[in-house]
Amino acid sequence: MSPKKAEQCIMDLIDLFHKYTNPDDTIDKQGLKDMLKEYFPHFLKACDTLGKDYLSGVFEDNDRNKDKKIQFSEFLSVLGSIATDYHNHSHGAKLCSGDDDE
């Protein structure tokens, strides 16, 4: 039996995470930036257009235990904030507006 679409999405997120992980199964700051640049260029361009440097704080904001590594749960938090922004965009908000009232 093949996986359902939602199950495949989860497996694809795991594959994406592993594409950028170090041997200790974490992503360093440069790896996270590389992943965002490769897979979210439209989002980052929208941020730049609004004068927001999204990349400058995304690592520190999501490295919850401050070990200078992004673990899988922290990776999901990064993607969750981007997904939330895209959801808000689907309802008319500017992309990369985050919590702003723009």
C-alpha atoms as a PDB file:
ATOM      1  CA  MET A   1       0.000   0.000   0.000  1.00  0.00           C
ATOM      2  CA  SER A   2       1.398   3.373  -0.954  1.00  0.00           C
ATOM      3  CA  PRO A   3       1.420   6.208   1.568  1.00  0.00           C
ATOM      4  CA  LYS A   4      -1.379   8.742   1.612  1.00  0.00           C
ATOM      5  CA  LYS A   5      -0.549  12.268   0.472  1.00  0.00           C
ATOM      6  CA  ALA A   6      -0.163  13.602   4.029  1.00  0.00           C
ATOM      7  CA  GLU A   7       2.094  10.699   4.983  1.00  0.00           C
ATOM      8  CA  GLN A   8       4.231  11.343   1.912  1.00  0.00           C
ATOM      9  CA  CYS A   9       4.482  15.030   2.856  1.00  0.00           C
ATOM     10  CA  ILE A  10       5.872  14.044   6.261  1.00  0.00           C
ATOM     11  CA  MET A  11       8.385  11.658   4.688  1.00  0.00           C
ATOM     12  CA  ASP A  12       9.413  14.409   2.249  1.00  0.00           C
ATOM     13  CA  LEU A  13      10.011  16.808   5.175  1.00  0.00           C
ATOM     14  CA  ILE A  14      12.213  14.188   6.824  1.00  0.00           C
ATOM     15  CA  ASP A  15      14.148  13.759   3.574  1.00  0.00           C
ATOM     16  CA  LEU A  16      14.545  17.542   3.302  1.00  0.00           C
ATOM     17  CA  PHE A  17      15.875  17.700   6.861  1.00  0.00           C
ATOM     18  CA  HIS A  18      18.336  14.877   6.210  1.00  0.00           C
ATOM     19  CA  LYS A  19      19.602  16.547   3.045  1.00  0.00           C
ATOM     20  CA  TYR A  20      21.114  19.305   5.229  1.00  0.00           C
ATOM     21  CA  THR A  21      22.009  17.467   8.444  1.00  0.00           C
ATOM     22  CA  ASN A  22      25.417  16.860   9.916  1.00  0.00           C
ATOM     23  CA  PRO A  23      26.449  13.386  11.177  1.00  0.00           C
ATOM     24  CA  ASP A  24      24.810  14.193  14.540  1.00  0.00           C
ATOM     25  CA  ASP A  25      21.397  14.570  12.783  1.00  0.00           C
ATOM     26  CA  THR A  26      21.245  18.344  13.286  1.00  0.00           C
ATOM     27  CA  ILE A  27      21.490  21.309  10.914  1.00  0.00           C
ATOM     28  CA  ASP A  28      24.006  24.077  11.466  1.00  0.00           C
ATOM     29  CA  LYS A  29      23.367  27.746  10.726  1.00  0.00           C
ATOM     30  CA  GLN A  30      24.792  27.650   7.199  1.00  0.00           C
ATOM     31  CA  GLY A  31      22.863  24.485   6.363  1.00  0.00           C
ATOM     32  CA  LEU A  32      19.584  26.090   7.440  1.00  0.00           C
ATOM     33  CA  LYS A  33      20.314  29.184   5.360  1.00  0.00           C
ATOM     34  CA  ASP A  34      21.220  27.051   2.349  1.00  0.00           C
ATOM     35  CA  MET A  35      17.998  25.042   2.689  1.00  0.00           C
ATOM     36  CA  LEU A  36      15.844  28.173   2.947  1.00  0.00           C
ATOM     37  CA  LYS A  37      17.544  29.771  -0.056  1.00  0.00           C
ATOM     38  CA  GLU A  38      17.104  26.643  -2.160  1.00  0.00           C
ATOM     39  CA  TYR A  39      13.553  25.692  -1.167  1.00  0.00           C
ATOM     40  CA  PHE A  40      11.901  29.007  -0.213  1.00  0.00           C
ATOM     41  CA  PRO A  41      13.253  31.626  -2.661  1.00  0.00           C
ATOM     42  CA  HIS A  42       9.853  33.264  -3.233  1.00  0.00           C
ATOM     43  CA  PHE A  43       9.279  33.625   0.497  1.00  0.00           C
ATOM     44  CA  LEU A  44      12.735  35.143   1.023  1.00  0.00           C
ATOM     45  CA  LYS A  45      12.241  37.512  -1.918  1.00  0.00           C
ATOM     46  CA  ALA A  46       8.936  38.668  -0.414  1.00  0.00           C
ATOM     47  CA  CYS A  47      10.733  39.298   2.882  1.00  0.00           C
ATOM     48  CA  ASP A  48      13.432  41.302   1.109  1.00  0.00           C
ATOM     49  CA  THR A  49      10.763  43.328  -0.700  1.00  0.00           C
ATOM     50  CA  LEU A  50       9.250  44.229   2.673  1.00  0.00           C
ATOM     51  CA  GLY A  51      12.696  45.163   4.010  1.00  0.00           C
ATOM     52  CA  LYS A  52      12.864  42.153   6.335  1.00  0.00           C
ATOM     53  CA  ASP A  53      16.058  40.142   6.665  1.00  0.00           C
ATOM     54  CA  TYR A  54      14.384  36.852   7.532  1.00  0.00           C
ATOM     55  CA  LEU A  55      17.607  34.870   7.403  1.00  0.00           C
ATOM     56  CA  SER A  56      19.373  36.993  10.000  1.00  0.00           C
ATOM     57  CA  GLY A  57      17.350  35.765  12.957  1.00  0.00           C
ATOM     58  CA  VAL A  58      15.711  32.519  11.900  1.00  0.00           C
ATOM     59  CA  PHE A  59      18.454  30.304  13.340  1.00  0.00           C
ATOM     60  CA  GLU A  60      18.670  31.977  16.738  1.00  0.00           C
ATOM     61  CA  ASP A  61      14.879  32.291  16.994  1.00  0.00           C
ATOM     62  CA  ASN A  62      14.401  28.561  16.470  1.00  0.00           C
ATOM     63  CA  ASP A  63      17.428  27.118  18.285  1.00  0.00           C
ATOM     64  CA  ARG A  64      15.358  26.722  21.436  1.00  0.00           C
ATOM     65  CA  ASN A  65      17.983  24.971  23.549  1.00  0.00           C
ATOM     66  CA  LYS A  66      20.736  27.337  22.299  1.00  0.00           C
ATOM     67  CA  ASP A  67      23.107  24.528  21.321  1.00  0.00           C
ATOM     68  CA  LYS A  68      23.882  26.216  17.981  1.00  0.00           C
ATOM     69  CA  LYS A  69      22.215  23.321  16.142  1.00  0.00           C
ATOM     70  CA  ILE A  70      18.748  22.841  14.700  1.00  0.00           C
ATOM     71  CA  GLN A  71      17.199  19.543  15.719  1.00  0.00           C
ATOM     72  CA  PHE A  72      14.263  18.037  13.842  1.00  0.00           C
ATOM     73  CA  SER A  73      11.611  19.517  16.155  1.00  0.00           C
ATOM     74  CA  GLU A  74      13.232  22.953  15.790  1.00  0.00           C
ATOM     75  CA  PHE A  75      13.325  22.453  12.006  1.00  0.00           C
ATOM     76  CA  LEU A  76       9.588  21.805  12.091  1.00  0.00           C
ATOM     77  CA  SER A  77       9.128  25.089  13.971  1.00  0.00           C
ATOM     78  CA  VAL A  78      10.942  26.942  11.172  1.00  0.00           C
ATOM     79  CA  LEU A  79       8.725  25.300   8.567  1.00  0.00           C
ATOM     80  CA  GLY A  80       5.642  25.864  10.717  1.00  0.00           C
ATOM     81  CA  SER A  81       6.213  29.609  10.829  1.00  0.00           C
ATOM     82  CA  ILE A  82       6.715  29.705   7.057  1.00  0.00           C
ATOM     83  CA  ALA A  83       3.626  27.537   6.506  1.00  0.00           C
ATOM     84  CA  THR A  84       1.587  29.824   8.760  1.00  0.00           C
ATOM     85  CA  ASP A  85       2.755  32.804   6.744  1.00  0.00           C
ATOM     86  CA  TYR A  86       1.726  31.082   3.499  1.00  0.00           C
ATOM     87  CA  HIS A  87      -1.661  30.251   5.061  1.00  0.00           C
ATOM     88  CA  ASN A  88      -2.167  33.906   5.988  1.00  0.00           C
ATOM     89  CA  HIS A  89      -1.097  34.815   2.454  1.00  0.00           C
ATOM     90  CA  SER A  90      -3.858  32.538   1.101  1.00  0.00           C
ATOM     91  CA  HIS A  91      -6.282  34.795   3.001  1.00  0.00           C
ATOM     92  CA  GLY A  92      -4.896  38.010   1.536  1.00  0.00           C
ATOM     93  CA  ALA A  93      -1.979  38.913   3.806  1.00  0.00           C
ATOM     94  CA  LYS A  94       1.324  39.902   2.260  1.00  0.00           C
ATOM     95  CA  LEU A  95       3.798  37.068   2.107  1.00  0.00           C
ATOM     96  CA  CYS A  96       6.383  37.348   4.910  1.00  0.00           C
ATOM     97  CA  SER A  97       4.180  39.686   6.913  1.00  0.00           C
ATOM     98  CA  GLY A  98       4.377  37.364   9.916  1.00  0.00           C
ATOM     99  CA  ASP A  99       2.596  38.844  12.889  1.00  0.00           C
ATOM    100  CA  ASP A 100       2.498  42.307  11.361  1.00  0.00           C
ATOM    101  CA  ASP A 101      -0.824  43.926  10.606  1.00  0.00           C
ATOM    102  CA  GLU A 102       0.157  44.875   7.055  1.00  0.00           C
END
